[in-house]
Amino acid sequence: MFSARDKNGQIRHLLVDTQVPKGEYFCPVCNGLVRLKKGEIMQPHFAHVSLSNCYYHFENESKEHLNLKAALFRWAKKNEKVEVEAIIPELDQVADILVADRIALEVQCSPLSKTRLWQRTKQYQQAGYQVIWLLGEKLWLKKTLTPLQKHFLYFSQNMGFHLWELDEKRSLLRLKYLIHEDLHGQAQYIEKEFAFEEGELLDIFRLPFQKQLLASFSAKTDTNICHYIRQQLYYQNPKWMKRQETCYQKGENLLSKSADDFYPQVRPVRADEPFCQIYQDLSAYYENFLRYYQKAQNKKSQIVYSPAFYTRNLH
């Protein structure tokens, strides 16, 4: 943490005041004793002597978390009012970075429970704050979307499902967007990178919702998809067994279908429960997506488009 109270009750911020002297300091949340730590490897910071009584700080922060908070603070304060570790009393929360009084930037470097993520997100939203979750290295999207990563997804008509990542080593903010999943469960998407402190930070976060040319990409499809599905059924993959059961109820059988029957192979992300960060109804998007590809004459390849494309091309 970068802020603490001194013995006179004054808040001292290490990212604002670089001349903080040694002495006794206390956590602004739990009033527990903290130590000022200055070394060559990590950013100067305060660390709890004991975390047992702090309801916000469950563990002392990693080097990655501290460095990313510091980088975002420096970037945001170039153009906006910004506060690091902002205490929000009405929510019993501390925002990693609070920009323009109402936009909370939360740096998440380690897994957390879905319950805790839902709780924190909904508290922000119900109080009129916008929260943007930024994922550290352990939570980056790689080959597949985990159930937790799906709850970090945002959605816009221009960029579809998207999420934000922070790369401490390369000093980058990364946007992964137009995220889809294929029938293998693999994620396919496009990405943009933004160097720290280049451009206005809030403008970058607004990008998915700004007017722009609609994005698209050529999806990777499996010419042997029927063989893959037969294998999954042979090994009783739960996901494919459930799909087979659904087919049986309709008097159909996955094993009798052709590759064209599984077109399009790359589809929008779905979840077994509501998305945490997405509140709009996506049913029209899902319907327009499938209707568009049902009309396709060539089912050997697939171009994936932004959600707005399907609306425009069906009316």
C-alpha atoms as a PDB file:
ATOM      1  CA  MET A   1       0.000   0.000   0.000  1.00  0.00           C
ATOM      2  CA  PHE A   2       1.137   3.540  -0.753  1.00  0.00           C
ATOM      3  CA  SER A   3      -0.831   5.477   1.843  1.00  0.00           C
ATOM      4  CA  ALA A   4      -0.839   5.435   5.644  1.00  0.00           C
ATOM      5  CA  ARG A   5      -1.683   7.688   8.566  1.00  0.00           C
ATOM      6  CA  ASP A   6       1.123   9.148  10.594  1.00  0.00           C
ATOM      7  CA  LYS A   7       0.946   9.543  14.389  1.00  0.00           C
ATOM      8  CA  ASN A   8      -0.751  12.922  13.935  1.00  0.00           C
ATOM      9  CA  GLY A   9      -3.555  11.388  11.852  1.00  0.00           C
ATOM     10  CA  GLN A  10      -2.334  12.864   8.582  1.00  0.00           C
ATOM     11  CA  ILE A  11      -2.502  10.676   5.459  1.00  0.00           C
ATOM     12  CA  ARG A  12       0.891  10.327   3.777  1.00  0.00           C
ATOM     13  CA  HIS A  13       1.031   9.179   0.148  1.00  0.00           C
ATOM     14  CA  LEU A  14       4.314   7.752  -1.061  1.00  0.00           C
ATOM     15  CA  LEU A  15       3.462   8.425  -4.727  1.00  0.00           C
ATOM     16  CA  VAL A  16       2.801  12.086  -3.931  1.00  0.00           C
ATOM     17  CA  ASP A  17       5.265  12.784  -1.116  1.00  0.00           C
ATOM     18  CA  THR A  18       8.643  11.150  -1.754  1.00  0.00           C
ATOM     19  CA  GLN A  19      10.128  12.575   1.462  1.00  0.00           C
ATOM     20  CA  VAL A  20       8.061  10.593   3.973  1.00  0.00           C
ATOM     21  CA  PRO A  21      10.292  10.144   7.045  1.00  0.00           C
ATOM     22  CA  LYS A  22      10.693   7.024   9.122  1.00  0.00           C
ATOM     23  CA  GLY A  23       8.342   6.667  12.081  1.00  0.00           C
ATOM     24  CA  GLU A  24       5.115   5.050  13.204  1.00  0.00           C
ATOM     25  CA  TYR A  25       2.403   4.681  10.545  1.00  0.00           C
ATOM     26  CA  PHE A  26      -1.040   3.099  10.569  1.00  0.00           C
ATOM     27  CA  CYS A  27      -3.390   1.569   7.980  1.00  0.00           C
ATOM     28  CA  PRO A  28      -6.119   4.105   7.016  1.00  0.00           C
ATOM     29  CA  VAL A  29      -8.683   1.274   6.992  1.00  0.00           C
ATOM     30  CA  CYS A  30      -8.050  -0.852  10.082  1.00  0.00           C
ATOM     31  CA  ASN A  31      -5.658   1.462  11.990  1.00  0.00           C
ATOM     32  CA  GLY A  32      -3.244  -1.446  12.337  1.00  0.00           C
ATOM     33  CA  LEU A  33       0.482  -0.740  12.545  1.00  0.00           C
ATOM     34  CA  VAL A  34       2.319  -0.684   9.192  1.00  0.00           C
ATOM     35  CA  ARG A  35       5.994  -0.453   8.343  1.00  0.00           C
ATOM     36  CA  LEU A  36       7.547   1.872   5.789  1.00  0.00           C
ATOM     37  CA  LYS A  37       9.637  -0.199   3.401  1.00  0.00           C
ATOM     38  CA  LYS A  38      12.160   1.263   0.994  1.00  0.00           C
ATOM     39  CA  GLY A  39      14.304  -1.051  -1.107  1.00  0.00           C
ATOM     40  CA  GLU A  40      15.874  -1.354  -4.535  1.00  0.00           C
ATOM     41  CA  ILE A  41      13.548  -4.041  -5.943  1.00  0.00           C
ATOM     42  CA  MET A  42      10.064  -2.847  -4.952  1.00  0.00           C
ATOM     43  CA  GLN A  43       8.394   0.541  -4.946  1.00  0.00           C
ATOM     44  CA  PRO A  44       8.596   2.241  -1.524  1.00  0.00           C
ATOM     45  CA  HIS A  45       5.451   1.108   0.288  1.00  0.00           C
ATOM     46  CA  PHE A  46       3.786   0.409   3.596  1.00  0.00           C
ATOM     47  CA  ALA A  47       3.215  -3.177   4.759  1.00  0.00           C
ATOM     48  CA  HIS A  48       1.062  -4.403   7.618  1.00  0.00           C
ATOM     49  CA  VAL A  49       2.836  -5.799  10.655  1.00  0.00           C
ATOM     50  CA  SER A  50      -0.238  -8.048  11.070  1.00  0.00           C
ATOM     51  CA  LEU A  51      -3.118  -8.488   8.633  1.00  0.00           C
ATOM     52  CA  SER A  52      -5.395 -10.338  11.048  1.00  0.00           C
ATOM     53  CA  ASN A  53      -7.656  -7.345  11.761  1.00  0.00           C
ATOM     54  CA  CYS A  54      -7.764  -5.654   8.355  1.00  0.00           C
ATOM     55  CA  TYR A  55     -10.991  -6.324   6.446  1.00  0.00           C
ATOM     56  CA  TYR A  56      -9.631  -4.931   3.168  1.00  0.00           C
ATOM     57  CA  HIS A  57      -5.971  -5.932   2.958  1.00  0.00           C
ATOM     58  CA  PHE A  58      -5.906  -9.736   3.072  1.00  0.00           C
ATOM     59  CA  GLU A  59      -2.226 -10.015   2.122  1.00  0.00           C
ATOM     60  CA  ASN A  60       0.698  -7.692   1.602  1.00  0.00           C
ATOM     61  CA  GLU A  61       0.934  -6.675  -2.025  1.00  0.00           C
ATOM     62  CA  SER A  62       3.220  -8.191  -4.626  1.00  0.00           C
ATOM     63  CA  LYS A  63       5.826  -6.233  -6.555  1.00  0.00           C
ATOM     64  CA  GLU A  64       3.635  -6.529  -9.654  1.00  0.00           C
ATOM     65  CA  HIS A  65       0.600  -5.054  -7.919  1.00  0.00           C
ATOM     66  CA  LEU A  66       2.510  -2.145  -6.401  1.00  0.00           C
ATOM     67  CA  ASN A  67       4.301  -1.275  -9.628  1.00  0.00           C
ATOM     68  CA  LEU A  68       1.122  -1.425 -11.703  1.00  0.00           C
ATOM     69  CA  LYS A  69      -0.788   0.809  -9.279  1.00  0.00           C
ATOM     70  CA  ALA A  70       2.048   3.318  -9.354  1.00  0.00           C
ATOM     71  CA  ALA A  71       2.147   3.266 -13.173  1.00  0.00           C
ATOM     72  CA  LEU A  72      -1.610   3.807 -13.482  1.00  0.00           C
ATOM     73  CA  PHE A  73      -1.519   6.628 -10.935  1.00  0.00           C
ATOM     74  CA  ARG A  74       1.231   8.458 -12.847  1.00  0.00           C
ATOM     75  CA  TRP A  75      -0.546   7.894 -16.163  1.00  0.00           C
ATOM     76  CA  ALA A  76      -3.984   9.033 -15.008  1.00  0.00           C
ATOM     77  CA  LYS A  77      -2.807  12.140 -13.128  1.00  0.00           C
ATOM     78  CA  LYS A  78      -1.434  13.643 -16.354  1.00  0.00           C
ATOM     79  CA  ASN A  79      -4.981  14.543 -17.406  1.00  0.00           C
ATOM     80  CA  GLU A  80      -7.406  13.732 -14.599  1.00  0.00           C
ATOM     81  CA  LYS A  81      -8.071  14.095 -10.921  1.00  0.00           C
ATOM     82  CA  VAL A  82      -6.788  10.854  -9.452  1.00  0.00           C
ATOM     83  CA  GLU A  83      -6.440   9.254  -6.034  1.00  0.00           C
ATOM     84  CA  VAL A  84      -4.500   6.112  -5.147  1.00  0.00           C
ATOM     85  CA  GLU A  85      -6.034   3.711  -2.599  1.00  0.00           C
ATOM     86  CA  ALA A  86      -9.134   5.852  -2.312  1.00  0.00           C
ATOM     87  CA  ILE A  87     -11.226   5.010   0.741  1.00  0.00           C
ATOM     88  CA  ILE A  88     -14.935   4.934  -0.142  1.00  0.00           C
ATOM     89  CA  PRO A  89     -16.712   4.875   3.244  1.00  0.00           C
ATOM     90  CA  GLU A  90     -20.219   4.218   1.901  1.00  0.00           C
ATOM     91  CA  LEU A  91     -18.978   1.019   0.268  1.00  0.00           C
ATOM     92  CA  ASP A  92     -16.485  -0.120   2.892  1.00  0.00           C
ATOM     93  CA  GLN A  93     -14.069  -0.427  -0.012  1.00  0.00           C
ATOM     94  CA  VAL A  94     -10.693   0.941  -1.032  1.00  0.00           C
ATOM     95  CA  ALA A  95     -10.287   1.528  -4.757  1.00  0.00           C
ATOM     96  CA  ASP A  96      -6.791   0.885  -6.080  1.00  0.00           C
ATOM     97  CA  ILE A  97      -7.089   3.992  -8.260  1.00  0.00           C
ATOM     98  CA  LEU A  98     -10.046   6.390  -8.334  1.00  0.00           C
ATOM     99  CA  VAL A  99     -10.176   8.622 -11.424  1.00  0.00           C
ATOM    100  CA  ALA A 100     -12.438  11.656 -11.818  1.00  0.00           C
ATOM    101  CA  ASP A 101     -14.208  10.760  -8.546  1.00  0.00           C
ATOM    102  CA  ARG A 102     -16.357   7.995 -10.100  1.00  0.00           C
ATOM    103  CA  ILE A 103     -14.167   5.573 -12.072  1.00  0.00           C
ATOM    104  CA  ALA A 104     -12.503   2.868  -9.990  1.00  0.00           C
ATOM    105  CA  LEU A 105      -9.535   1.043 -11.516  1.00  0.00           C
ATOM    106  CA  GLU A 106      -8.968  -2.286  -9.793  1.00  0.00           C
ATOM    107  CA  VAL A 107      -5.680  -4.114 -10.421  1.00  0.00           C
ATOM    108  CA  GLN A 108      -6.230  -7.844  -9.940  1.00  0.00           C
ATOM    109  CA  CYS A 109      -3.012  -9.858  -9.920  1.00  0.00           C
ATOM    110  CA  SER A 110      -4.205 -13.043  -8.220  1.00  0.00           C
ATOM    111  CA  PRO A 111      -7.358 -15.179  -8.419  1.00  0.00           C
ATOM    112  CA  LEU A 112     -10.276 -14.295  -6.189  1.00  0.00           C
ATOM    113  CA  SER A 113     -13.588 -16.006  -5.576  1.00  0.00           C
ATOM    114  CA  LYS A 114     -16.462 -15.281  -7.935  1.00  0.00           C
ATOM    115  CA  THR A 115     -18.530 -14.370  -4.874  1.00  0.00           C
ATOM    116  CA  ARG A 116     -16.041 -11.704  -3.841  1.00  0.00           C
ATOM    117  CA  LEU A 117     -15.812 -10.355  -7.408  1.00  0.00           C
ATOM    118  CA  TRP A 118     -19.608 -10.109  -7.680  1.00  0.00           C
ATOM    119  CA  GLN A 119     -19.841  -8.420  -4.287  1.00  0.00           C
ATOM    120  CA  ARG A 120     -17.259  -5.745  -5.043  1.00  0.00           C
ATOM    121  CA  THR A 121     -18.520  -5.093  -8.578  1.00  0.00           C
ATOM    122  CA  LYS A 122     -22.168  -4.732  -7.597  1.00  0.00           C
ATOM    123  CA  GLN A 123     -21.332  -2.474  -4.665  1.00  0.00           C
ATOM    124  CA  TYR A 124     -19.542  -0.123  -7.026  1.00  0.00           C
ATOM    125  CA  GLN A 125     -22.317  -0.181  -9.623  1.00  0.00           C
ATOM    126  CA  GLN A 126     -25.159   0.319  -7.146  1.00  0.00           C
ATOM    127  CA  ALA A 127     -23.381   3.364  -5.674  1.00  0.00           C
ATOM    128  CA  GLY A 128     -22.952   4.926  -9.113  1.00  0.00           C
ATOM    129  CA  TYR A 129     -19.280   4.100  -9.641  1.00  0.00           C
ATOM    130  CA  GLN A 130     -17.873   2.550 -12.805  1.00  0.00           C
ATOM    131  CA  VAL A 131     -15.349  -0.176 -12.078  1.00  0.00           C
ATOM    132  CA  ILE A 132     -12.738  -1.334 -14.580  1.00  0.00           C
ATOM    133  CA  TRP A 133     -10.909  -4.536 -13.679  1.00  0.00           C
ATOM    134  CA  LEU A 134      -7.345  -4.797 -14.981  1.00  0.00           C
ATOM    135  CA  LEU A 135      -5.770  -8.239 -14.943  1.00  0.00           C
ATOM    136  CA  GLY A 136      -2.218  -9.050 -13.920  1.00  0.00           C
ATOM    137  CA  GLU A 137      -0.116 -11.814 -15.441  1.00  0.00           C
ATOM    138  CA  LYS A 138      -1.634 -14.753 -13.538  1.00  0.00           C
ATOM    139  CA  LEU A 139      -5.075 -13.888 -14.919  1.00  0.00           C
ATOM    140  CA  TRP A 140      -4.209 -13.122 -18.550  1.00  0.00           C
ATOM    141  CA  LEU A 141      -6.373 -14.729 -21.195  1.00  0.00           C
ATOM    142  CA  LYS A 142      -4.374 -17.404 -22.999  1.00  0.00           C
ATOM    143  CA  LYS A 143      -5.806 -20.396 -24.867  1.00  0.00           C
ATOM    144  CA  THR A 144      -9.096 -20.753 -23.030  1.00  0.00           C
ATOM    145  CA  LEU A 145     -11.439 -18.585 -21.002  1.00  0.00           C
ATOM    146  CA  THR A 146     -11.721 -19.762 -17.418  1.00  0.00           C
ATOM    147  CA  PRO A 147     -15.039 -19.355 -15.548  1.00  0.00           C
ATOM    148  CA  LEU A 148     -13.437 -16.553 -13.514  1.00  0.00           C
ATOM    149  CA  GLN A 149     -12.148 -14.732 -16.615  1.00  0.00           C
ATOM    150  CA  LYS A 150     -15.659 -14.721 -18.059  1.00  0.00           C
ATOM    151  CA  HIS A 151     -16.717 -12.581 -15.095  1.00  0.00           C
ATOM    152  CA  PHE A 152     -14.090  -9.987 -16.005  1.00  0.00           C
ATOM    153  CA  LEU A 153     -15.499  -9.617 -19.534  1.00  0.00           C
ATOM    154  CA  TYR A 154     -17.077  -6.381 -20.729  1.00  0.00           C
ATOM    155  CA  PHE A 155     -19.218  -5.975 -23.854  1.00  0.00           C
ATOM    156  CA  SER A 156     -19.753  -3.328 -26.518  1.00  0.00           C
ATOM    157  CA  GLN A 157     -21.426  -3.374 -29.922  1.00  0.00           C
ATOM    158  CA  ASN A 158     -18.176  -2.222 -31.540  1.00  0.00           C
ATOM    159  CA  MET A 159     -15.716  -4.615 -29.919  1.00  0.00           C
ATOM    160  CA  GLY A 160     -17.893  -7.398 -28.554  1.00  0.00           C
ATOM    161  CA  PHE A 161     -16.649  -9.258 -25.505  1.00  0.00           C
ATOM    162  CA  HIS A 162     -13.421  -7.713 -24.252  1.00  0.00           C
ATOM    163  CA  LEU A 163     -11.176  -7.481 -21.220  1.00  0.00           C
ATOM    164  CA  TRP A 164      -8.206  -5.456 -20.020  1.00  0.00           C
ATOM    165  CA  GLU A 165      -4.752  -6.726 -19.049  1.00  0.00           C
ATOM    166  CA  LEU A 166      -1.671  -5.072 -17.551  1.00  0.00           C
ATOM    167  CA  ASP A 167       1.847  -6.142 -18.471  1.00  0.00           C
ATOM    168  CA  GLU A 168       4.245  -4.910 -15.813  1.00  0.00           C
ATOM    169  CA  LYS A 169       7.411  -6.227 -17.512  1.00  0.00           C
ATOM    170  CA  ARG A 170       6.682  -4.565 -20.857  1.00  0.00           C
ATOM    171  CA  SER A 171       4.894  -1.509 -19.371  1.00  0.00           C
ATOM    172  CA  LEU A 172       1.760  -2.114 -21.433  1.00  0.00           C
ATOM    173  CA  LEU A 173      -1.993  -1.890 -21.106  1.00  0.00           C
ATOM    174  CA  ARG A 174      -3.575  -4.525 -23.352  1.00  0.00           C
ATOM    175  CA  LEU A 175      -7.109  -4.768 -24.710  1.00  0.00           C
ATOM    176  CA  LYS A 176      -8.239  -8.202 -25.901  1.00  0.00           C
ATOM    177  CA  TYR A 177     -11.469  -7.869 -27.812  1.00  0.00           C
ATOM    178  CA  LEU A 178     -13.902  -9.581 -30.163  1.00  0.00           C
ATOM    179  CA  ILE A 179     -13.386 -12.600 -27.931  1.00  0.00           C
ATOM    180  CA  HIS A 180     -15.061 -15.777 -29.212  1.00  0.00           C
ATOM    181  CA  GLU A 181     -14.795 -19.481 -28.446  1.00  0.00           C
ATOM    182  CA  ASP A 182     -14.539 -22.312 -30.968  1.00  0.00           C
ATOM    183  CA  LEU A 183     -15.984 -25.800 -30.656  1.00  0.00           C
ATOM    184  CA  HIS A 184     -12.725 -26.996 -29.098  1.00  0.00           C
ATOM    185  CA  GLY A 185     -13.239 -24.472 -26.280  1.00  0.00           C
ATOM    186  CA  GLN A 186     -10.304 -22.369 -27.498  1.00  0.00           C
ATOM    187  CA  ALA A 187     -10.486 -18.569 -27.356  1.00  0.00           C
ATOM    188  CA  GLN A 188      -9.995 -16.499 -30.495  1.00  0.00           C
ATOM    189  CA  TYR A 189      -9.683 -12.707 -30.388  1.00  0.00           C
ATOM    190  CA  ILE A 190      -7.857  -9.556 -31.490  1.00  0.00           C
ATOM    191  CA  GLU A 191      -5.646  -7.448 -29.248  1.00  0.00           C
ATOM    192  CA  LYS A 192      -4.370  -3.882 -29.024  1.00  0.00           C
ATOM    193  CA  GLU A 193      -1.487  -2.673 -26.865  1.00  0.00           C
ATOM    194  CA  PHE A 194      -0.944   0.761 -25.322  1.00  0.00           C
ATOM    195  CA  ALA A 195       2.385   1.824 -23.831  1.00  0.00           C
ATOM    196  CA  PHE A 196       2.147   3.269 -20.325  1.00  0.00           C
ATOM    197  CA  GLU A 197       1.700   7.058 -20.270  1.00  0.00           C
ATOM    198  CA  GLU A 198       1.121   7.335 -24.036  1.00  0.00           C
ATOM    199  CA  GLY A 199      -2.206   9.024 -24.706  1.00  0.00           C
ATOM    200  CA  GLU A 200      -4.985   9.767 -22.215  1.00  0.00           C
ATOM    201  CA  LEU A 201      -5.853   6.779 -20.055  1.00  0.00           C
ATOM    202  CA  LEU A 202      -9.603   7.410 -19.897  1.00  0.00           C
ATOM    203  CA  ASP A 203      -9.760   7.838 -23.679  1.00  0.00           C
ATOM    204  CA  ILE A 204      -8.287   4.358 -24.034  1.00  0.00           C
ATOM    205  CA  PHE A 205     -10.888   2.873 -21.691  1.00  0.00           C
ATOM    206  CA  ARG A 206     -13.635   4.577 -23.745  1.00  0.00           C
ATOM    207  CA  LEU A 207     -12.329   3.071 -26.987  1.00  0.00           C
ATOM    208  CA  PRO A 208     -14.710   0.045 -27.113  1.00  0.00           C
ATOM    209  CA  PHE A 209     -17.704   2.412 -27.023  1.00  0.00           C
ATOM    210  CA  GLN A 210     -16.467   5.083 -29.447  1.00  0.00           C
ATOM    211  CA  LYS A 211     -17.521   5.364 -33.082  1.00  0.00           C
ATOM    212  CA  GLN A 212     -15.035   3.444 -35.243  1.00  0.00           C
ATOM    213  CA  LEU A 213     -14.570   1.072 -38.144  1.00  0.00           C
ATOM    214  CA  LEU A 214     -15.937  -2.306 -37.125  1.00  0.00           C
ATOM    215  CA  ALA A 215     -13.340  -4.967 -36.460  1.00  0.00           C
ATOM    216  CA  SER A 216     -13.231  -8.488 -37.896  1.00  0.00           C
ATOM    217  CA  PHE A 217     -10.892 -11.440 -38.144  1.00  0.00           C
ATOM    218  CA  SER A 218     -10.583 -14.678 -40.076  1.00  0.00           C
ATOM    219  CA  ALA A 219     -11.544 -17.463 -37.676  1.00  0.00           C
ATOM    220  CA  LYS A 220      -9.522 -20.648 -37.383  1.00  0.00           C
ATOM    221  CA  THR A 221     -11.784 -23.616 -38.072  1.00  0.00           C
ATOM    222  CA  ASP A 222     -11.269 -27.377 -37.898  1.00  0.00           C
ATOM    223  CA  THR A 223     -11.823 -29.266 -41.152  1.00  0.00           C
ATOM    224  CA  ASN A 224     -11.976 -32.503 -39.119  1.00  0.00           C
ATOM    225  CA  ILE A 225     -14.513 -31.255 -36.603  1.00  0.00           C
ATOM    226  CA  CYS A 226     -16.678 -34.382 -36.914  1.00  0.00           C
ATOM    227  CA  HIS A 227     -13.729 -36.600 -35.982  1.00  0.00           C
ATOM    228  CA  TYR A 228     -13.011 -34.362 -32.984  1.00  0.00           C
ATOM    229  CA  ILE A 229     -16.612 -34.609 -31.776  1.00  0.00           C
ATOM    230  CA  ARG A 230     -16.633 -38.394 -32.146  1.00  0.00           C
ATOM    231  CA  GLN A 231     -13.521 -38.501 -29.961  1.00  0.00           C
ATOM    232  CA  GLN A 232     -15.124 -36.301 -27.316  1.00  0.00           C
ATOM    233  CA  LEU A 233     -18.190 -38.527 -27.171  1.00  0.00           C
ATOM    234  CA  TYR A 234     -16.044 -41.669 -27.044  1.00  0.00           C
ATOM    235  CA  TYR A 235     -14.184 -40.300 -24.014  1.00  0.00           C
ATOM    236  CA  GLN A 236     -17.466 -39.025 -22.537  1.00  0.00           C
ATOM    237  CA  ASN A 237     -16.499 -35.385 -22.367  1.00  0.00           C
ATOM    238  CA  PRO A 238     -19.221 -33.854 -20.106  1.00  0.00           C
ATOM    239  CA  LYS A 239     -19.808 -30.851 -22.372  1.00  0.00           C
ATOM    240  CA  TRP A 240     -20.312 -32.948 -25.492  1.00  0.00           C
ATOM    241  CA  MET A 241     -22.316 -35.608 -23.663  1.00  0.00           C
ATOM    242  CA  LYS A 242     -24.713 -32.860 -22.613  1.00  0.00           C
ATOM    243  CA  ARG A 243     -24.995 -31.666 -26.210  1.00  0.00           C
ATOM    244  CA  GLN A 244     -25.641 -35.203 -27.361  1.00  0.00           C
ATOM    245  CA  GLU A 245     -28.397 -35.537 -24.786  1.00  0.00           C
ATOM    246  CA  THR A 246     -30.010 -32.358 -26.119  1.00  0.00           C
ATOM    247  CA  CYS A 247     -29.833 -33.795 -29.636  1.00  0.00           C
ATOM    248  CA  TYR A 248     -31.456 -37.052 -28.519  1.00  0.00           C
ATOM    249  CA  GLN A 249     -34.363 -35.080 -27.080  1.00  0.00           C
ATOM    250  CA  LYS A 250     -34.913 -33.620 -30.555  1.00  0.00           C
ATOM    251  CA  GLY A 251     -34.646 -37.033 -32.197  1.00  0.00           C
ATOM    252  CA  GLU A 252     -31.176 -36.227 -33.577  1.00  0.00           C
ATOM    253  CA  ASN A 253     -27.645 -37.578 -33.133  1.00  0.00           C
ATOM    254  CA  LEU A 254     -24.395 -35.638 -33.213  1.00  0.00           C
ATOM    255  CA  LEU A 255     -22.656 -38.614 -34.846  1.00  0.00           C
ATOM    256  CA  SER A 256     -24.869 -38.394 -37.913  1.00  0.00           C
ATOM    257  CA  LYS A 257     -24.190 -34.722 -38.570  1.00  0.00           C
ATOM    258  CA  SER A 258     -21.841 -33.284 -41.209  1.00  0.00           C
ATOM    259  CA  ALA A 259     -19.228 -30.554 -40.767  1.00  0.00           C
ATOM    260  CA  ASP A 260     -21.666 -28.008 -42.225  1.00  0.00           C
ATOM    261  CA  ASP A 261     -24.085 -28.761 -39.383  1.00  0.00           C
ATOM    262  CA  PHE A 262     -21.521 -27.395 -36.918  1.00  0.00           C
ATOM    263  CA  TYR A 263     -21.074 -24.126 -38.806  1.00  0.00           C
ATOM    264  CA  PRO A 264     -20.212 -21.561 -37.530  1.00  0.00           C
ATOM    265  CA  GLN A 265     -17.524 -23.202 -35.421  1.00  0.00           C
ATOM    266  CA  VAL A 266     -16.427 -19.954 -33.751  1.00  0.00           C
ATOM    267  CA  ARG A 267     -19.173 -18.369 -31.669  1.00  0.00           C
ATOM    268  CA  PRO A 268     -19.766 -15.636 -29.071  1.00  0.00           C
ATOM    269  CA  VAL A 269     -18.861 -16.413 -25.482  1.00  0.00           C
ATOM    270  CA  ARG A 270     -21.570 -17.945 -23.338  1.00  0.00           C
ATOM    271  CA  ALA A 271     -21.624 -18.610 -19.611  1.00  0.00           C
ATOM    272  CA  ASP A 272     -23.618 -20.906 -17.347  1.00  0.00           C
ATOM    273  CA  GLU A 273     -24.484 -17.945 -15.128  1.00  0.00           C
ATOM    274  CA  PRO A 274     -24.928 -14.182 -15.680  1.00  0.00           C
ATOM    275  CA  PHE A 275     -21.805 -12.187 -16.554  1.00  0.00           C
ATOM    276  CA  CYS A 276     -20.597 -10.071 -13.653  1.00  0.00           C
ATOM    277  CA  GLN A 277     -19.586  -6.941 -15.592  1.00  0.00           C
ATOM    278  CA  ILE A 278     -22.291  -7.100 -18.310  1.00  0.00           C
ATOM    279  CA  TYR A 279     -25.826  -5.982 -17.530  1.00  0.00           C
ATOM    280  CA  GLN A 280     -27.345  -5.627 -21.023  1.00  0.00           C
ATOM    281  CA  ASP A 281     -29.486  -8.343 -22.635  1.00  0.00           C
ATOM    282  CA  LEU A 282     -27.369 -10.136 -25.248  1.00  0.00           C
ATOM    283  CA  SER A 283     -30.074 -12.417 -26.617  1.00  0.00           C
ATOM    284  CA  ALA A 284     -30.587 -10.335 -29.797  1.00  0.00           C
ATOM    285  CA  TYR A 285     -26.856 -10.449 -30.485  1.00  0.00           C
ATOM    286  CA  TYR A 286     -26.727 -14.237 -30.160  1.00  0.00           C
ATOM    287  CA  GLU A 287     -29.757 -14.592 -32.434  1.00  0.00           C
ATOM    288  CA  ASN A 288     -28.462 -12.189 -35.100  1.00  0.00           C
ATOM    289  CA  PHE A 289     -25.085 -13.924 -35.071  1.00  0.00           C
ATOM    290  CA  LEU A 290     -26.551 -17.351 -35.832  1.00  0.00           C
ATOM    291  CA  ARG A 291     -29.065 -16.041 -38.382  1.00  0.00           C
ATOM    292  CA  TYR A 292     -26.281 -14.366 -40.346  1.00  0.00           C
ATOM    293  CA  TYR A 293     -24.240 -17.559 -40.685  1.00  0.00           C
ATOM    294  CA  GLN A 294     -27.282 -19.723 -41.407  1.00  0.00           C
ATOM    295  CA  LYS A 295     -27.625 -17.756 -44.655  1.00  0.00           C
ATOM    296  CA  ALA A 296     -23.968 -18.287 -45.604  1.00  0.00           C
ATOM    297  CA  GLN A 297     -23.381 -20.174 -48.865  1.00  0.00           C
ATOM    298  CA  ASN A 298     -19.721 -20.957 -48.193  1.00  0.00           C
ATOM    299  CA  LYS A 299     -19.334 -22.910 -44.957  1.00  0.00           C
ATOM    300  CA  LYS A 300     -15.659 -23.769 -45.392  1.00  0.00           C
ATOM    301  CA  SER A 301     -14.399 -20.541 -43.799  1.00  0.00           C
ATOM    302  CA  GLN A 302     -15.662 -17.958 -41.344  1.00  0.00           C
ATOM    303  CA  ILE A 303     -15.074 -14.252 -40.839  1.00  0.00           C
ATOM    304  CA  VAL A 304     -15.997 -13.033 -37.352  1.00  0.00           C
ATOM    305  CA  TYR A 305     -17.347  -9.493 -37.035  1.00  0.00           C
ATOM    306  CA  SER A 306     -18.268  -6.992 -34.344  1.00  0.00           C
ATOM    307  CA  PRO A 307     -21.783  -7.405 -32.889  1.00  0.00           C
ATOM    308  CA  ALA A 308     -23.010  -4.218 -34.628  1.00  0.00           C
ATOM    309  CA  PHE A 309     -22.229  -5.796 -38.013  1.00  0.00           C
ATOM    310  CA  TYR A 310     -24.819  -8.541 -37.602  1.00  0.00           C
ATOM    311  CA  THR A 311     -27.560  -6.066 -36.687  1.00  0.00           C
ATOM    312  CA  ARG A 312     -26.830  -3.913 -39.719  1.00  0.00           C
ATOM    313  CA  ASN A 313     -26.689  -6.846 -42.117  1.00  0.00           C
ATOM    314  CA  LEU A 314     -29.989  -8.425 -41.079  1.00  0.00           C
ATOM    315  CA  HIS A 315     -32.194  -5.367 -41.416  1.00  0.00           C
END
